[in-house]
Protein backbone atom coordinates (compact mmCIF):
# COMPACT_ATOMS: atom_id res chain seq x y z
CA MET A 1 -0.11 -0.06 0.28
CA LYS A 2 2.77 2.10 0.76
CA ARG A 3 4.78 1.59 -2.28
CA ILE A 4 1.51 2.46 -4.20
CA LEU A 5 0.96 5.66 -2.74
CA PHE A 6 4.66 6.62 -2.91
CA ALA A 7 4.11 5.90 -6.80
CA LEU A 8 1.08 8.05 -6.99
CA SER A 9 2.88 10.76 -5.36
CA LEU A 10 5.88 10.89 -7.92
CA CYS A 11 3.57 10.99 -10.77
CA LEU A 12 1.69 13.73 -9.36
CA LEU A 13 4.82 15.86 -8.62
CA MET A 14 6.20 15.14 -11.90
CA GLY A 15 3.03 15.87 -13.87
CA LEU A 16 2.94 19.45 -11.66
CA THR A 17 6.45 20.45 -12.38
CA GLY A 18 7.15 19.23 -16.00
CA THR A 19 10.07 18.48 -17.95
CA VAL A 20 11.22 19.86 -20.78
CA LYS A 21 14.30 17.82 -22.67
CA ALA A 22 16.93 20.19 -23.40
CA GLU A 23 17.78 20.58 -27.46
CA ARG A 24 20.99 20.31 -29.37
CA VAL A 25 22.42 23.62 -30.59
CA SER A 26 22.39 22.65 -33.77
CA GLN A 27 18.51 22.02 -34.01
CA ILE A 28 18.14 25.59 -32.74
CA LEU A 29 20.76 27.03 -35.26
CA ASN A 30 19.40 25.26 -37.98
CA ASN A 31 16.00 27.17 -37.88
CA ALA A 32 17.36 29.96 -35.77
CA SER A 33 15.71 32.95 -37.94
CA GLN A 34 12.57 31.49 -37.39
CA ARG A 35 12.52 31.05 -34.20
CA VAL A 36 14.02 34.31 -32.71
CA GLY A 37 12.39 35.28 -29.30
CA GLU A 38 11.66 31.73 -28.26
CA ILE A 39 12.83 30.29 -25.54
CA VAL A 40 15.15 27.25 -25.60
CA GLU A 41 17.08 25.03 -23.26
CA VAL A 42 20.39 23.48 -24.01
CA ASP A 43 22.86 21.40 -21.44
CA GLY A 44 26.27 22.26 -22.09
CA LEU A 45 29.61 22.74 -20.84
CA VAL A 46 30.90 26.31 -20.25
CA THR A 47 34.16 26.65 -22.07
CA GLN A 48 35.03 30.21 -22.11
CA LEU A 49 33.86 33.67 -20.31
CA GLN A 50 33.68 36.93 -22.13
CA ASP A 51 33.29 40.13 -20.75
CA ALA A 52 30.47 42.09 -22.31
CA ASN A 53 30.02 45.70 -23.30
CA LYS A 54 28.11 46.59 -20.21
CA SER A 55 29.24 46.55 -16.56
CA ASN A 56 28.14 43.60 -14.46
CA PHE A 57 26.98 41.72 -17.71
CA LYS A 58 28.89 38.60 -18.91
CA ASP A 59 28.99 36.71 -22.17
CA TYR A 60 30.12 32.95 -22.21
CA TRP A 61 30.18 29.79 -24.89
CA LEU A 62 28.21 26.74 -23.91
CA LYS A 63 29.18 23.56 -25.98
CA ASP A 64 26.50 20.62 -25.73
CA LYS A 65 27.54 16.95 -25.78
CA TYR A 66 27.42 16.65 -29.40
CA GLY A 67 29.87 19.71 -29.85
CA GLY A 68 27.66 22.48 -31.06
CA ILE A 69 28.51 25.64 -29.64
CA ILE A 70 26.42 28.72 -28.50
CA MET A 71 26.81 31.83 -27.07
CA VAL A 72 24.98 32.68 -23.73
CA HIS A 73 24.29 36.39 -22.28
CA THR A 74 23.96 36.63 -18.70
CA ASP A 75 23.14 39.34 -16.34
CA GLY A 76 23.35 37.64 -13.28
CA THR A 77 25.25 38.30 -10.31
CA GLU A 78 26.85 34.95 -10.16
CA ASP A 79 29.12 33.72 -13.16
CA PRO A 80 29.27 30.67 -14.74
CA ILE A 81 32.25 28.47 -14.10
CA THR A 82 34.47 27.46 -17.01
CA ASN A 83 34.64 23.84 -17.68
CA LYS A 84 31.47 23.25 -15.68
CA LYS A 85 28.10 21.51 -17.01
CA TYR A 86 25.12 23.36 -16.90
CA ASN A 87 21.45 23.50 -17.75
CA VAL A 88 20.11 27.00 -19.52
CA LYS A 89 17.13 28.67 -20.63
CA GLY A 90 16.39 32.01 -22.34
CA TYR A 91 15.38 34.13 -24.98
CA LEU A 92 17.00 33.33 -28.79
CA THR A 93 18.65 36.52 -29.88
CA TYR A 94 20.09 37.43 -32.84
CA ASN A 95 22.85 40.11 -32.99
CA ALA A 96 23.26 42.17 -36.22
CA ASP A 97 26.97 43.37 -35.47
CA ASN A 98 28.52 39.86 -35.55
CA GLY A 99 25.72 37.88 -37.49
CA LEU A 100 25.22 35.50 -34.59
CA TYR A 101 22.56 34.17 -33.06
CA TYR A 102 22.89 33.81 -28.90
CA ILE A 103 20.96 32.84 -25.86
CA SER A 104 19.97 35.78 -23.39
CA GLU A 105 19.62 33.55 -20.36
CA THR A 106 16.68 33.65 -17.90
CA TYR A 107 17.95 30.59 -15.88
CA ARG A 108 20.79 28.73 -15.15
CA ASN A 109 21.45 25.25 -13.29
CA GLN A 110 24.51 23.58 -12.70
CA LEU A 111 24.76 19.79 -13.28
CA SER A 112 26.67 17.25 -12.11
CA ASP A 113 30.06 16.51 -13.76
CA ASP A 114 29.13 13.23 -15.29
CA ALA A 115 26.08 14.72 -16.77
CA PHE A 116 27.15 13.89 -19.95
CA ILE A 117 29.84 13.53 -22.15
CA ILE A 118 31.10 15.71 -25.27
CA VAL A 119 31.45 13.21 -27.88
CA GLU A 120 32.48 15.56 -30.72
CA PRO A 121 34.60 18.34 -28.85
CA SER A 122 34.93 21.66 -31.81
CA ASN A 123 36.80 24.69 -31.62
CA PRO A 124 34.45 26.96 -29.36
CA PHE A 125 35.42 30.15 -31.45
CA THR A 126 34.13 29.03 -34.93
CA PRO A 127 30.45 29.16 -34.12
CA THR A 128 27.97 28.90 -37.02
CA PRO A 129 27.43 31.95 -38.59
CA ALA A 130 23.48 33.29 -39.33
CA ILE A 131 22.50 32.93 -43.07
CA PRO A 132 22.27 36.07 -45.08
CA TRP A 133 18.88 37.42 -45.57
CA TRP A 134 19.43 37.49 -49.43
CA LYS A 135 20.62 33.61 -49.34
CA GLU A 136 17.51 32.57 -47.75
CA ASN A 137 14.92 34.41 -50.35
CA PHE A 138 17.47 34.12 -53.06
CA LEU A 139 14.64 32.23 -55.10
CA ILE A 140 12.33 34.77 -54.55
CA LEU A 141 14.66 37.35 -55.66
CA VAL A 142 15.53 35.81 -58.82
CA ILE A 143 11.52 35.67 -59.65
CA ALA A 144 11.14 39.17 -58.89
CA GLY A 145 14.23 40.37 -60.69
CA GLY A 146 12.93 38.23 -63.95
CA ALA A 147 9.45 39.90 -63.89
CA ILE A 148 10.87 43.10 -63.23
CA ILE A 149 13.11 43.07 -66.60
CA LEU A 150 10.28 40.97 -68.53
CA ALA A 151 8.06 43.93 -67.69
CA LEU A 152 11.00 46.66 -68.84
CA ILE A 153 10.93 44.63 -72.19
CA ILE A 154 7.33 44.98 -72.67
CA ILE A 155 6.94 48.63 -72.04
CA ALA A 156 10.03 49.56 -74.66
CA PHE A 157 8.44 47.19 -77.09
CA VAL A 158 4.86 48.62 -76.73
CA VAL A 159 6.60 52.20 -77.04
CA SER A 160 9.02 51.12 -80.22
CA SER A 161 5.44 50.33 -81.62
CA LYS A 162 3.75 53.30 -81.11
CA LYS A 163 6.70 55.46 -82.60
CA SER A 164 6.96 53.04 -86.03
CA LYS A 165 2.96 53.93 -86.28
CA SER A 166 3.76 57.46 -85.91
CA ILE A 167 6.31 57.88 -88.51
CA GLN A 168 4.29 55.88 -91.07
CA ASN A 169 1.23 57.97 -90.53
CA VAL A 170 3.76 60.87 -91.64
CA LYS A 171 2.89 61.32 -95.32
CA PRO A 172 5.57 63.56 -97.75
CA SER A 173 4.67 67.23 -98.65
CA TYR A 174 4.66 68.39 -102.11
CA THR A 175 6.28 71.69 -103.42
CA SER A 176 3.40 72.48 -105.45
CA HIS A 177 -0.33 73.39 -103.49
CA MET A 178 -2.30 72.33 -106.38
CA THR A 179 -3.72 68.86 -106.68
CA ALA A 180 -7.09 68.10 -107.90
CA ASN A 181 -9.35 65.05 -110.08
CA SER A 182 -10.91 67.21 -112.55
CA ALA A 183 -10.23 69.76 -115.11
CA GLU A 184 -12.41 73.00 -115.83
CA THR A 185 -13.93 72.58 -112.29
CA LYS A 186 -14.52 75.64 -110.00
CA VAL A 187 -13.61 74.64 -106.09
CA SER A 188 -14.25 76.99 -103.51
CA ILE A 189 -11.47 76.19 -101.06
CA SER A 190 -11.98 77.00 -97.11
CA ASN A 191 -10.86 74.07 -94.97
CA ILE A 192 -7.29 72.41 -95.03
CA GLU A 193 -7.82 69.02 -96.88
CA THR A 194 -5.82 66.14 -98.57
CA VAL A 195 -6.17 65.07 -101.76
CA GLN A 196 -4.83 61.44 -102.91
CA ASN A 197 -3.86 61.13 -106.41
CA ASN A 198 -5.11 57.83 -108.35
CA THR A 199 -2.43 57.10 -110.29
CA GLU A 200 0.73 58.18 -107.56
CA GLU A 201 1.46 58.14 -103.74
CA LEU A 202 -0.57 60.21 -101.55
CA LYS A 203 0.70 63.89 -101.75
CA THR A 204 -0.32 66.63 -99.01
CA MET A 205 -2.61 69.88 -100.26
CA ILE A 206 -1.80 72.69 -97.44
CA ILE A 207 -4.45 75.06 -98.03
CA PRO A 208 -5.26 77.53 -94.87
CA LYS A 209 -8.63 78.20 -93.88
CA ALA A 210 -8.21 81.89 -94.30
CA ASP A 211 -9.06 83.90 -97.34
CA PRO A 212 -11.11 81.47 -99.33
CA LYS A 213 -10.94 81.54 -103.05
CA THR A 214 -12.32 80.63 -106.10
CA MET A 215 -9.67 78.50 -108.43
CA LYS A 216 -10.09 77.94 -111.98
CA PHE A 217 -8.14 74.34 -112.75
CA ILE A 218 -5.97 74.40 -115.71
CA PRO A 219 -6.97 71.37 -117.96
CA GLY A 220 -4.68 68.06 -117.99
CA GLU A 221 -1.42 67.91 -115.58
CA LEU A 222 2.29 67.95 -115.18
CA GLU A 223 4.61 65.30 -114.80
CA ILE A 224 7.86 65.78 -113.38
CA LEU A 225 10.67 63.61 -115.66
CA LYS A 226 13.95 65.32 -113.93
CA GLY A 227 14.64 66.58 -110.18
CA ALA A 228 14.25 65.65 -106.69
CA ASP A 229 10.05 64.77 -107.18
CA ILE A 230 10.79 62.81 -110.43
CA GLY A 231 7.88 60.68 -111.43
CA LYS A 232 4.99 62.38 -109.42
CA LYS A 233 2.24 64.47 -111.58
CA PHE A 234 -0.09 66.80 -110.29
CA LYS A 235 -2.81 69.04 -111.56
CA ILE A 236 -2.61 73.18 -111.27
CA ALA A 237 -5.34 75.60 -110.70
CA GLY A 238 -4.44 79.16 -111.88
CA SER A 239 -5.27 82.77 -110.02
CA PRO A 240 -8.02 84.09 -111.79
CA GLN A 241 -7.23 87.80 -113.44
CA SER A 242 -9.04 90.58 -114.42
CA ASP A 243 -9.12 90.21 -117.85
CA GLY A 244 -10.31 86.21 -117.79
CA THR A 245 -7.20 85.00 -117.89
CA SER A 246 -5.85 82.47 -115.35
CA ILE A 247 -2.15 82.48 -114.16
CA VAL A 248 0.01 79.84 -112.42
CA THR A 249 3.79 81.29 -111.33
CA ILE A 250 6.91 78.87 -111.24
CA GLY A 251 10.14 79.53 -109.50
CA ARG A 252 12.34 79.57 -106.38
CA GLU A 253 10.43 82.18 -104.58
CA ASN A 254 7.98 81.20 -101.62
CA SER A 255 4.50 81.33 -101.86
CA ASN A 256 2.66 84.16 -100.19
CA GLU A 257 -1.44 84.99 -99.57
CA SER A 258 -1.61 86.26 -103.01
CA ASN A 259 -0.40 83.18 -104.70
CA MET A 260 -0.48 80.31 -102.57
CA PHE A 261 -2.96 78.55 -104.46
CA SER A 262 -1.56 79.24 -107.90
CA HIS A 263 2.21 79.19 -107.48
CA ILE A 264 4.37 75.98 -107.95
CA HIS A 265 7.29 76.14 -105.53
CA LEU A 266 10.80 74.85 -106.79
CA LYS A 267 13.84 74.33 -104.61
CA GLU A 268 16.71 73.52 -106.94
CA LYS A 269 19.14 76.66 -107.17
CA THR A 270 19.67 76.72 -111.05
CA ILE A 271 16.13 77.95 -111.05
CA SER A 272 15.29 81.66 -110.85
CA ARG A 273 13.17 83.06 -107.97
CA GLN A 274 10.52 83.85 -110.46
CA GLN A 275 11.34 81.57 -113.51
CA ALA A 276 8.03 81.25 -115.35
CA GLN A 277 4.22 81.41 -115.84
CA ILE A 278 1.71 79.03 -117.25
CA ILE A 279 -1.06 81.19 -118.61
CA GLN A 280 -4.46 79.98 -119.75
CA SER A 281 -6.52 82.73 -121.93
CA ASN A 282 -9.34 81.69 -124.60
CA GLY A 283 -8.96 78.18 -124.11
CA ASN A 284 -4.96 78.32 -125.16
CA ILE A 285 -2.37 77.39 -122.70
CA LYS A 286 1.04 79.21 -122.75
CA VAL A 287 4.28 79.28 -121.02
CA LYS A 288 5.99 82.72 -120.28
CA ASN A 289 9.53 82.84 -119.48
CA LEU A 290 10.07 85.29 -116.53
CA SER A 291 13.86 84.64 -115.54
CA LYS A 292 16.95 86.93 -117.58
CA THR A 293 19.59 84.50 -116.22
CA ASN A 294 18.35 80.97 -116.33
CA LEU A 295 16.19 81.04 -119.52
CA THR A 296 13.29 78.59 -119.58
CA LYS A 297 12.96 76.15 -122.44
CA VAL A 298 9.86 74.59 -124.13
CA ASP A 299 10.67 71.38 -126.15
CA GLY A 300 14.49 72.57 -126.55
CA LYS A 301 13.49 76.10 -127.75
CA GLU A 302 15.26 78.61 -125.07
CA LEU A 303 12.74 81.92 -124.62
CA MET A 304 13.67 85.23 -124.32
CA PRO A 305 12.82 87.14 -120.95
CA ASP A 306 9.04 87.89 -121.13
CA GLU A 307 8.78 85.72 -124.41
CA THR A 308 5.57 83.55 -124.59
CA ILE A 309 5.23 80.19 -126.38
CA GLU A 310 1.96 77.71 -126.60
CA LEU A 311 1.82 74.85 -124.52
CA SER A 312 0.74 71.67 -126.63
CA PRO A 313 0.19 68.36 -125.37
CA ASN A 314 3.18 66.40 -124.43
CA ALA A 315 5.27 69.20 -124.46
CA ILE A 316 8.11 69.60 -122.22
CA ILE A 317 9.26 72.51 -120.09
CA SER A 318 13.00 72.57 -118.94
CA LEU A 319 13.51 74.92 -115.83
CA GLY A 320 17.09 74.74 -114.99
CA GLU A 321 18.10 71.22 -113.69
CA VAL A 322 14.03 70.24 -113.42
CA GLU A 323 12.10 69.10 -116.67
CA ILE A 324 8.16 69.04 -116.57
CA LYS A 325 5.99 67.50 -118.95
CA TYR A 326 2.50 68.62 -119.89
CA LEU A 327 0.08 65.96 -120.31
CA LEU A 328 -3.74 66.59 -122.04
CA ASN A 329 -5.88 63.33 -121.23
């Protein structure tokens, strides 16, 4: 009966006090970053005392029987004795200055000398350093970096595509302001508009909104045989005069408000500022030379200043380095 009562008392006492099995140092350090702030317990041998930065504080190295080493920080009044064995409990803490994990001691109890035998002694001054954060998250960093690079490539591709489309939408501007689809047609011009020639590439007609005028198109069209705009064809409209004639001017001079709808602007240096005129009168079309230095030619014949010659179908007008053919359908 006494034996039964003693066993029950012993079991009750163990249940009330509880027992915690000490861990290996290696077990604590393997996932130390996840256990910072957690209470841990280690049985080990004090191998060396080390003065801490603050007075009355001590650090010491504790080695378990498997050779694992960890630093313990204590603020107790009684320092541990080197080469003695202790059971130590405390909070696992990280020191960012040296990259080491250590135990902030809350409990220490000296064990008997034969409590355990160290089977794998190791150098107490080579503790396992903490794993850098970038190594622990290396895969995440690689994925994030790849995503950023891919996003930059997509953005650059979209921007480049938009620029390419913008360039393709720009149409070439031709030096003449006159294009149309039919002859002997009176057109009231009041807005800026773009007209496409049916047989050639798109040309841009620049016509201001201001000062609308009624223009009379001259029959036929002109084709550039020689010069910067070789191969292009365009129609012309003359500026109506008080005597019933229509005049188109040709030259290196820029157009102005008075002739901007009836002036063919050529940029070649061999052409005079006022080179020639195309005149329509009473159903006849003529060419008049205005230049005194660079004479205008019609089918090879040079025209003297103010000389006029009738313009027949397929005639070739030579203006310096530019040659224009008059076509009449």
